[in-house]
Amino acid sequence: DLSFNCIREISGLDNLLKLTDLSLFNNMITNIAGIEPCKHLQCLSLGNNNISALDNIVKLRHFRNLKLLNLEGNPISREGEYRMYILAYVND
């Protein structure tokens, strides 16, 4: 759990290839780049960060095991097309 740590960018996950649960809640993250090595993620919590660009959601399409995603409290969650992007790019 890396929540509440003032993290600005996701890094250092290159060797965590079997990681299934990642919580980065309440940090200062603006971009989800850096989670790519964690292909087995099932739970990803990025709520209460500074993610504002919808193109971040497109990057989640490669996470076939993702079952739970939290982006609430980010500027992106106030976008009108936010939910449609989630449904289109995140595996159900």
C-alpha atoms as a PDB file:
ATOM      1  CA  ASP A   1       0.000   0.000   0.000  1.00  0.00           C
ATOM      2  CA  LEU A   2       1.598   3.234  -1.218  1.00  0.00           C
ATOM      3  CA  SER A   3      -1.329   5.489  -0.323  1.00  0.00           C
ATOM      4  CA  PHE A   4      -0.832   8.934   1.259  1.00  0.00           C
ATOM      5  CA  ASN A   5       2.821   9.339   0.213  1.00  0.00           C
ATOM      6  CA  CYS A   6       2.875  12.446  -2.027  1.00  0.00           C
ATOM      7  CA  ILE A   7       4.005  10.267  -4.963  1.00  0.00           C
ATOM      8  CA  ARG A   8       4.104  12.261  -8.210  1.00  0.00           C
ATOM      9  CA  GLU A   9       4.916   9.494 -10.704  1.00  0.00           C
ATOM     10  CA  ILE A  10       4.676   5.716 -10.731  1.00  0.00           C
ATOM     11  CA  SER A  11       8.089   4.089 -10.893  1.00  0.00           C
ATOM     12  CA  GLY A  12      10.096   1.194  -9.491  1.00  0.00           C
ATOM     13  CA  LEU A  13       7.606  -1.538 -10.391  1.00  0.00           C
ATOM     14  CA  ASP A  14       9.765  -3.239 -13.027  1.00  0.00           C
ATOM     15  CA  ASN A  15      10.481  -6.310 -10.900  1.00  0.00           C
ATOM     16  CA  LEU A  16       6.979  -6.715  -9.445  1.00  0.00           C
ATOM     17  CA  LEU A  17       5.686  -8.804 -12.323  1.00  0.00           C
ATOM     18  CA  LYS A  18       3.282 -10.882 -10.201  1.00  0.00           C
ATOM     19  CA  LEU A  19       1.759  -7.962  -8.288  1.00  0.00           C
ATOM     20  CA  THR A  20      -2.049  -8.257  -8.170  1.00  0.00           C
ATOM     21  CA  ASP A  21      -3.067  -5.386  -5.870  1.00  0.00           C
ATOM     22  CA  LEU A  22      -1.691  -1.843  -6.084  1.00  0.00           C
ATOM     23  CA  SER A  23      -2.976   1.039  -3.996  1.00  0.00           C
ATOM     24  CA  LEU A  24      -1.682   4.502  -4.800  1.00  0.00           C
ATOM     25  CA  PHE A  25      -4.651   6.327  -3.271  1.00  0.00           C
ATOM     26  CA  ASN A  26      -4.332   9.988  -2.287  1.00  0.00           C
ATOM     27  CA  ASN A  27      -1.026  10.923  -3.885  1.00  0.00           C
ATOM     28  CA  MET A  28      -0.124  13.508  -6.546  1.00  0.00           C
ATOM     29  CA  ILE A  29      -0.032  11.234  -9.610  1.00  0.00           C
ATOM     30  CA  THR A  30      -0.988  12.844 -12.939  1.00  0.00           C
ATOM     31  CA  ASN A  31      -0.218   9.959 -15.326  1.00  0.00           C
ATOM     32  CA  ILE A  32      -0.545   6.188 -14.906  1.00  0.00           C
ATOM     33  CA  ALA A  33       2.597   5.460 -16.922  1.00  0.00           C
ATOM     34  CA  GLY A  34       4.828   3.135 -14.931  1.00  0.00           C
ATOM     35  CA  ILE A  35       2.354   0.365 -14.109  1.00  0.00           C
ATOM     36  CA  GLU A  36       2.998  -1.462 -17.406  1.00  0.00           C
ATOM     37  CA  PRO A  37       5.190  -4.226 -15.896  1.00  0.00           C
ATOM     38  CA  CYS A  38       2.374  -5.283 -13.544  1.00  0.00           C
ATOM     39  CA  LYS A  39       0.323  -7.224 -16.104  1.00  0.00           C
ATOM     40  CA  HIS A  40      -1.367  -9.356 -13.412  1.00  0.00           C
ATOM     41  CA  LEU A  41      -3.037  -6.481 -11.555  1.00  0.00           C
ATOM     42  CA  GLN A  42      -6.527  -7.329 -10.357  1.00  0.00           C
ATOM     43  CA  CYS A  43      -7.062  -4.302  -8.128  1.00  0.00           C
ATOM     44  CA  LEU A  44      -5.774  -0.808  -8.906  1.00  0.00           C
ATOM     45  CA  SER A  45      -6.610   2.112  -6.645  1.00  0.00           C
ATOM     46  CA  LEU A  46      -5.608   5.520  -7.968  1.00  0.00           C
ATOM     47  CA  GLY A  47      -8.365   7.556  -6.320  1.00  0.00           C
ATOM     48  CA  ASN A  48      -7.714  11.096  -5.080  1.00  0.00           C
ATOM     49  CA  ASN A  49      -4.772  11.883  -7.337  1.00  0.00           C
ATOM     50  CA  ASN A  50      -4.396  14.487 -10.112  1.00  0.00           C
ATOM     51  CA  ILE A  51      -5.160  12.323 -13.160  1.00  0.00           C
ATOM     52  CA  SER A  52      -6.956  14.522 -15.684  1.00  0.00           C
ATOM     53  CA  ALA A  53      -6.361  13.092 -19.174  1.00  0.00           C
ATOM     54  CA  LEU A  54      -8.732  10.443 -20.564  1.00  0.00           C
ATOM     55  CA  ASP A  55      -5.906   8.885 -22.574  1.00  0.00           C
ATOM     56  CA  ASN A  56      -4.647   7.399 -19.293  1.00  0.00           C
ATOM     57  CA  ILE A  57      -7.576   4.980 -19.377  1.00  0.00           C
ATOM     58  CA  VAL A  58      -6.523   3.622 -22.772  1.00  0.00           C
ATOM     59  CA  LYS A  59      -3.331   2.341 -21.126  1.00  0.00           C
ATOM     60  CA  LEU A  60      -5.447   0.033 -18.930  1.00  0.00           C
ATOM     61  CA  ARG A  61      -6.630  -2.106 -21.861  1.00  0.00           C
ATOM     62  CA  HIS A  62      -3.587  -4.389 -21.465  1.00  0.00           C
ATOM     63  CA  PHE A  63      -4.547  -5.387 -17.921  1.00  0.00           C
ATOM     64  CA  ARG A  64      -6.768  -8.370 -18.688  1.00  0.00           C
ATOM     65  CA  ASN A  65      -7.064  -9.448 -15.031  1.00  0.00           C
ATOM     66  CA  LEU A  66      -8.183  -6.048 -13.731  1.00  0.00           C
ATOM     67  CA  LYS A  67     -11.441  -6.442 -11.792  1.00  0.00           C
ATOM     68  CA  LEU A  68     -11.435  -3.386  -9.536  1.00  0.00           C
ATOM     69  CA  LEU A  69     -10.428   0.128 -10.541  1.00  0.00           C
ATOM     70  CA  ASN A  70     -10.734   3.273  -8.431  1.00  0.00           C
ATOM     71  CA  LEU A  71     -10.171   6.641 -10.094  1.00  0.00           C
ATOM     72  CA  GLU A  72     -12.724   8.560  -8.015  1.00  0.00           C
ATOM     73  CA  GLY A  73     -11.610  11.955  -6.787  1.00  0.00           C
ATOM     74  CA  ASN A  74      -9.390  12.642  -9.810  1.00  0.00           C
ATOM     75  CA  PRO A  75     -10.213  15.460 -12.247  1.00  0.00           C
ATOM     76  CA  ILE A  76     -10.777  12.719 -14.857  1.00  0.00           C
ATOM     77  CA  SER A  77     -13.762  11.376 -12.887  1.00  0.00           C
ATOM     78  CA  ARG A  78     -15.643  14.626 -13.555  1.00  0.00           C
ATOM     79  CA  GLU A  79     -15.321  14.252 -17.359  1.00  0.00           C
ATOM     80  CA  GLY A  80     -18.598  13.546 -19.134  1.00  0.00           C
ATOM     81  CA  GLU A  81     -17.123  10.637 -21.109  1.00  0.00           C
ATOM     82  CA  TYR A  82     -15.252   9.131 -18.159  1.00  0.00           C
ATOM     83  CA  ARG A  83     -17.538   6.137 -17.543  1.00  0.00           C
ATOM     84  CA  MET A  84     -17.788   5.295 -21.233  1.00  0.00           C
ATOM     85  CA  TYR A  85     -13.994   5.248 -21.510  1.00  0.00           C
ATOM     86  CA  ILE A  86     -13.785   2.898 -18.536  1.00  0.00           C
ATOM     87  CA  LEU A  87     -16.357   0.543 -20.057  1.00  0.00           C
ATOM     88  CA  ALA A  88     -14.661   0.629 -23.453  1.00  0.00           C
ATOM     89  CA  TYR A  89     -11.081   0.071 -22.348  1.00  0.00           C
ATOM     90  CA  VAL A  90     -11.175  -1.930 -19.128  1.00  0.00           C
ATOM     91  CA  ASN A  91     -11.898  -5.642 -19.398  1.00  0.00           C
ATOM     92  CA  ASP A  92     -15.053  -6.767 -17.554  1.00  0.00           C
END
